[in-house]
Amino acid sequence: MAELGTTLNGQHQSTQSQHHHITAHRPAAATRLPSLLIATRHGESTANVEFQLAEAAGALSVPISCRDADIPLSLHGRQQAQALGHWWAALPGADRPRSVWCSPYVRTAETAGIALAQAAGLGAVPVSLTVRYDERLRDRELGVLEMLPKAAIEAKHPEEAARRRKMGELYYRPPGGESWADVALRVRSLLRDVCEEEAGRPVLLVAHDCTVLMLRYALDRLTEEQLIALGPVHNCSTSLWRAQDGRLRPDGWNGVDHLAAEAN
């Protein structure tokens, strides 16, 4: 498998100096890239709703007893997924994904399924199109901080809250969980496979807030400061990267106009 530098920007150089006299005269291999990479966050989940209510009230808990992986979409989230399907169907034919890679969590699987059904119902994609589930697209794991509102983290884990502020989100790893940088590692691994297997085709990734952020961090070569400045990824937003000059270059970030149009 080619190194990520080769896959994403076509600038790989051999580290084996003894072969330099051979490789220097060879034409560069064609970079394998999807023609268009589209990433979306799942629609609003029931947990999104509960956490918004908890944060507003300063509550120390949320009424969620299932695993994070098993949290479903809210009714509004299902409507957002339908709007995503309309957007998908309205894309130009050459940009319309017929390949979907998805986090295996319930809320992402539901988002992909609803959007696909909508696009297929409009005749834009085959009804038989299958969704590929890949655990590397799963949400960030928070370990001991899982399912805890901000007020609860400060009250129950003050040392971790202080360490989080000191380290910053990119490098802070909660006990039993992942830092953003940990998520970036698995996202880079996923990108290698996506670039290899979806070369020349548009592809849709259905993931989570942190996962989509790390896609942009890796593809756009952001600094820590630039990453933090981005803010959250909106539910069922669309972020696009188009193959150009041997790289996937940004062609739209965190777009939600299709959701407003559907609401009207």
Protein backbone atom coordinates (compact mmCIF):
# COMPACT_ATOMS: atom_id res chain seq x y z
CA MET A 1 0.00 0.00 0.00
CA ALA A 2 1.34 3.45 -0.87
CA GLU A 3 2.24 5.84 1.91
CA LEU A 4 -0.40 8.45 2.77
CA GLY A 5 1.79 11.19 1.31
CA THR A 6 1.64 9.39 -2.02
CA THR A 7 -2.07 8.74 -1.78
CA LEU A 8 -3.10 12.26 -0.86
CA ASN A 9 -0.65 14.61 -2.51
CA GLY A 10 1.50 12.66 -4.93
CA GLN A 11 4.77 13.84 -3.36
CA HIS A 12 6.14 10.57 -1.96
CA GLN A 13 9.93 10.18 -2.11
CA SER A 14 11.75 6.92 -1.44
CA THR A 15 13.70 6.78 1.83
CA GLN A 16 15.94 4.05 0.44
CA SER A 17 18.87 6.04 -0.88
CA GLN A 18 20.47 2.94 -2.41
CA HIS A 19 17.63 2.83 -4.94
CA HIS A 20 17.63 6.55 -5.69
CA HIS A 21 19.59 6.13 -8.91
CA ILE A 22 16.84 3.79 -10.14
CA THR A 23 13.72 5.59 -8.94
CA ALA A 24 14.92 9.05 -9.93
CA HIS A 25 14.52 8.24 -13.63
CA ARG A 26 11.18 6.52 -13.40
CA PRO A 27 8.01 8.48 -14.23
CA ALA A 28 5.87 9.13 -11.15
CA ALA A 29 3.03 6.68 -10.70
CA ALA A 30 -0.44 8.12 -11.19
CA THR A 31 -1.95 9.20 -7.89
CA ARG A 32 -5.02 7.16 -6.97
CA LEU A 33 -7.79 9.37 -5.62
CA PRO A 34 -11.60 9.44 -5.58
CA SER A 35 -12.87 11.97 -8.10
CA LEU A 36 -14.89 13.53 -5.27
CA LEU A 37 -14.86 12.79 -1.54
CA ILE A 38 -17.98 13.86 0.37
CA ALA A 39 -18.17 13.62 4.17
CA THR A 40 -21.24 14.13 6.31
CA ARG A 41 -21.99 13.91 10.00
CA HIS A 42 -25.02 11.85 11.01
CA GLY A 43 -28.37 13.55 11.54
CA GLU A 44 -29.39 14.86 14.95
CA SER A 45 -29.39 11.99 17.46
CA THR A 46 -31.45 11.54 20.60
CA ALA A 47 -28.23 12.08 22.56
CA ASN A 48 -27.63 15.41 20.80
CA VAL A 49 -31.03 16.53 22.07
CA GLU A 50 -30.45 15.28 25.62
CA PHE A 51 -27.02 16.89 25.88
CA GLN A 52 -28.35 20.23 24.65
CA LEU A 53 -30.99 20.13 27.39
CA ALA A 54 -28.44 19.05 30.02
CA GLU A 55 -25.96 21.77 29.09
CA ALA A 56 -28.67 24.43 29.23
CA ALA A 57 -29.76 23.27 32.68
CA GLY A 58 -26.29 22.57 34.06
CA ALA A 59 -27.37 18.98 34.72
CA LEU A 60 -24.92 16.35 35.94
CA SER A 61 -26.39 13.48 33.91
CA VAL A 62 -28.37 12.61 30.79
CA PRO A 63 -31.13 9.96 30.62
CA ILE A 64 -29.21 7.61 28.31
CA SER A 65 -28.56 4.02 29.34
CA CYS A 66 -27.48 2.40 26.05
CA ARG A 67 -24.04 2.28 24.51
CA ASP A 68 -22.91 5.29 22.51
CA ALA A 69 -22.85 3.01 19.46
CA ASP A 70 -26.56 2.24 19.88
CA ILE A 71 -27.92 5.81 20.05
CA PRO A 72 -30.49 6.39 17.25
CA LEU A 73 -31.55 9.45 15.32
CA SER A 74 -34.18 11.81 16.63
CA LEU A 75 -37.24 12.53 14.48
CA HIS A 76 -35.57 15.75 13.33
CA GLY A 77 -32.42 13.79 12.55
CA ARG A 78 -34.39 11.46 10.28
CA GLN A 79 -35.78 14.49 8.45
CA GLN A 80 -32.24 15.82 8.04
CA ALA A 81 -31.16 12.49 6.55
CA GLN A 82 -34.01 12.72 4.03
CA ALA A 83 -32.82 16.19 3.07
CA LEU A 84 -29.32 14.78 2.59
CA GLY A 85 -30.80 12.21 0.21
CA HIS A 86 -32.47 14.98 -1.81
CA TRP A 87 -29.14 16.83 -2.00
CA TRP A 88 -27.41 13.63 -3.11
CA ALA A 89 -29.96 13.05 -5.85
CA ALA A 90 -29.60 16.63 -7.11
CA LEU A 91 -25.84 16.38 -7.65
CA PRO A 92 -24.53 16.25 -11.24
CA GLY A 93 -24.32 12.66 -12.43
CA ALA A 94 -20.53 12.55 -12.37
CA ASP A 95 -20.47 13.76 -8.74
CA ARG A 96 -23.21 11.46 -7.44
CA PRO A 97 -21.71 8.86 -5.10
CA ARG A 98 -22.50 5.24 -5.80
CA SER A 99 -20.20 4.11 -3.04
CA VAL A 100 -20.86 4.75 0.67
CA TRP A 101 -18.51 4.13 3.60
CA CYS A 102 -20.17 4.48 6.99
CA SER A 103 -19.47 4.31 10.70
CA PRO A 104 -21.16 1.20 12.13
CA TYR A 105 -22.92 3.19 14.88
CA VAL A 106 -26.72 3.15 14.77
CA ARG A 107 -27.14 6.90 14.14
CA THR A 108 -24.76 6.87 11.17
CA ALA A 109 -26.22 3.66 9.74
CA GLU A 110 -29.71 5.17 9.97
CA THR A 111 -28.51 8.37 8.30
CA ALA A 112 -26.92 6.48 5.43
CA GLY A 113 -29.93 4.21 5.01
CA ILE A 114 -32.49 7.02 4.97
CA ALA A 115 -30.43 9.21 2.62
CA LEU A 116 -29.81 6.29 0.29
CA ALA A 117 -33.49 5.33 0.22
CA GLN A 118 -34.40 8.92 -0.61
CA ALA A 119 -31.81 9.21 -3.40
CA ALA A 120 -32.78 5.81 -4.81
CA GLY A 121 -36.47 6.71 -4.65
CA LEU A 122 -35.73 9.72 -6.81
CA GLY A 123 -33.99 7.49 -9.34
CA ALA A 124 -30.55 8.98 -8.68
CA VAL A 125 -28.73 5.86 -7.44
CA PRO A 126 -29.40 2.11 -7.69
CA VAL A 127 -31.76 0.68 -5.11
CA SER A 128 -29.28 -2.19 -4.69
CA LEU A 129 -26.42 0.11 -3.67
CA THR A 130 -24.78 -1.29 -0.54
CA VAL A 131 -23.26 0.58 2.40
CA ARG A 132 -19.81 -0.43 3.59
CA TYR A 133 -19.38 -0.18 7.36
CA ASP A 134 -15.93 0.62 8.72
CA GLU A 135 -15.13 1.00 12.41
CA ARG A 136 -12.40 3.55 11.64
CA LEU A 137 -15.19 6.06 10.98
CA ARG A 138 -16.69 5.59 14.46
CA ASP A 139 -17.03 8.48 16.89
CA ARG A 140 -14.28 9.51 19.30
CA GLU A 141 -14.22 7.30 22.38
CA LEU A 142 -14.29 9.34 25.62
CA GLY A 143 -13.56 6.64 28.18
CA VAL A 144 -14.38 7.74 31.74
CA LEU A 145 -15.98 10.93 30.38
CA GLU A 146 -18.49 9.05 28.20
CA MET A 147 -22.05 10.40 28.48
CA LEU A 148 -21.07 13.11 30.98
CA PRO A 149 -22.22 16.73 30.45
CA LYS A 150 -19.65 19.48 31.01
CA ALA A 151 -20.94 20.23 34.50
CA ALA A 152 -20.57 16.57 35.49
CA ILE A 153 -16.98 16.41 34.20
CA GLU A 154 -16.06 19.45 36.28
CA ALA A 155 -17.81 18.03 39.37
CA LYS A 156 -16.77 14.37 39.13
CA HIS A 157 -13.40 14.58 37.36
CA PRO A 158 -11.91 18.00 38.16
CA GLU A 159 -8.33 16.79 37.54
CA GLU A 160 -9.29 15.55 34.09
CA ALA A 161 -11.13 18.79 33.33
CA ALA A 162 -7.99 20.74 34.23
CA ARG A 163 -5.75 18.42 32.19
CA ARG A 164 -8.09 18.76 29.23
CA ARG A 165 -7.85 22.54 29.33
CA LYS A 166 -4.06 22.37 29.57
CA MET A 167 -3.51 19.79 26.81
CA GLY A 168 -6.16 20.99 24.36
CA GLU A 169 -8.56 18.76 22.43
CA LEU A 170 -6.03 17.63 19.81
CA TYR A 171 -3.77 15.92 22.35
CA TYR A 172 -5.94 15.34 25.43
CA ARG A 173 -6.73 11.65 25.89
CA PRO A 174 -9.25 10.83 28.65
CA PRO A 175 -8.58 7.63 30.61
CA GLY A 176 -9.87 4.75 28.50
CA GLY A 177 -10.58 7.06 25.56
CA GLU A 178 -9.04 8.78 22.55
CA SER A 179 -7.56 12.15 21.74
CA TRP A 180 -8.38 13.88 18.47
CA ALA A 181 -4.90 12.87 17.34
CA ASP A 182 -5.78 9.22 17.98
CA VAL A 183 -8.84 9.61 15.76
CA ALA A 184 -6.65 11.27 13.11
CA LEU A 185 -4.47 8.14 12.99
CA ARG A 186 -7.37 5.87 12.12
CA VAL A 187 -8.78 8.43 9.69
CA ARG A 188 -5.46 8.50 7.82
CA SER A 189 -5.55 4.70 7.65
CA LEU A 190 -9.07 4.81 6.26
CA LEU A 191 -8.10 7.41 3.66
CA ARG A 192 -5.43 5.11 2.27
CA ASP A 193 -8.02 2.43 1.62
CA VAL A 194 -10.64 4.84 0.29
CA CYS A 195 -8.15 6.37 -2.15
CA GLU A 196 -7.03 2.97 -3.34
CA GLU A 197 -10.44 1.32 -3.67
CA GLU A 198 -12.48 4.31 -4.87
CA ALA A 199 -9.96 5.78 -7.31
CA GLY A 200 -11.69 7.78 -10.04
CA ARG A 201 -15.14 7.58 -8.43
CA PRO A 202 -17.17 9.87 -6.14
CA VAL A 203 -17.60 8.45 -2.63
CA LEU A 204 -19.69 9.41 0.41
CA LEU A 205 -18.42 8.98 3.99
CA VAL A 206 -21.04 9.02 6.77
CA ALA A 207 -19.39 9.67 10.12
CA HIS A 208 -19.33 11.85 13.24
CA ASP A 209 -18.31 15.36 14.32
CA CYS A 210 -14.76 14.47 15.37
CA THR A 211 -14.20 12.07 12.48
CA VAL A 212 -15.13 14.68 9.88
CA LEU A 213 -12.95 17.26 11.65
CA MET A 214 -10.00 14.86 11.45
CA LEU A 215 -10.66 14.28 7.76
CA ARG A 216 -10.23 17.99 7.19
CA TYR A 217 -7.22 18.14 9.52
CA ALA A 218 -5.48 15.41 7.48
CA LEU A 219 -6.54 16.41 3.97
CA ASP A 220 -6.07 20.17 4.35
CA ARG A 221 -2.90 19.89 6.49
CA LEU A 222 -4.27 22.16 9.19
CA THR A 223 -2.34 23.42 12.19
CA GLU A 224 -3.72 22.86 15.69
CA GLU A 225 -4.86 26.49 15.81
CA GLN A 226 -6.66 26.23 12.47
CA LEU A 227 -8.35 23.02 13.57
CA ILE A 228 -9.63 24.45 16.85
CA ALA A 229 -10.96 27.52 15.05
CA LEU A 230 -13.28 25.44 12.87
CA GLY A 231 -15.97 24.85 15.45
CA PRO A 232 -18.42 21.92 15.40
CA VAL A 233 -19.52 19.99 12.33
CA HIS A 234 -23.26 20.37 11.76
CA ASN A 235 -25.59 17.38 11.60
CA CYS A 236 -26.04 16.16 8.00
CA SER A 237 -23.77 18.92 6.70
CA THR A 238 -21.76 18.32 3.53
CA SER A 239 -17.99 18.76 3.18
CA LEU A 240 -16.37 18.08 -0.19
CA TRP A 241 -12.87 17.47 -1.53
CA ARG A 242 -12.25 17.18 -5.27
CA ALA A 243 -9.29 15.48 -6.96
CA GLN A 244 -7.08 18.10 -8.57
CA ASP A 245 -3.37 18.15 -9.40
CA GLY A 246 -2.69 14.93 -7.52
CA ARG A 247 -4.44 15.98 -4.32
CA LEU A 248 -7.88 16.07 -2.77
CA ARG A 249 -8.58 19.78 -2.56
CA PRO A 250 -11.42 21.39 -0.52
CA ASP A 251 -14.57 22.24 -2.47
CA GLY A 252 -17.00 23.10 0.32
CA TRP A 253 -17.06 22.83 4.09
CA ASN A 254 -19.88 22.12 6.58
CA GLY A 255 -22.63 23.14 4.18
CA VAL A 256 -26.23 23.12 5.42
CA ASP A 257 -28.16 25.04 2.75
CA HIS A 258 -29.88 21.80 1.69
CA LEU A 259 -31.30 21.43 5.20
CA ALA A 260 -32.79 24.91 5.19
CA ALA A 261 -34.29 24.31 1.76
CA GLU A 262 -35.92 21.09 2.96
CA ALA A 263 -37.33 22.80 6.05
CA ASN A 264 -39.03 25.38 3.82
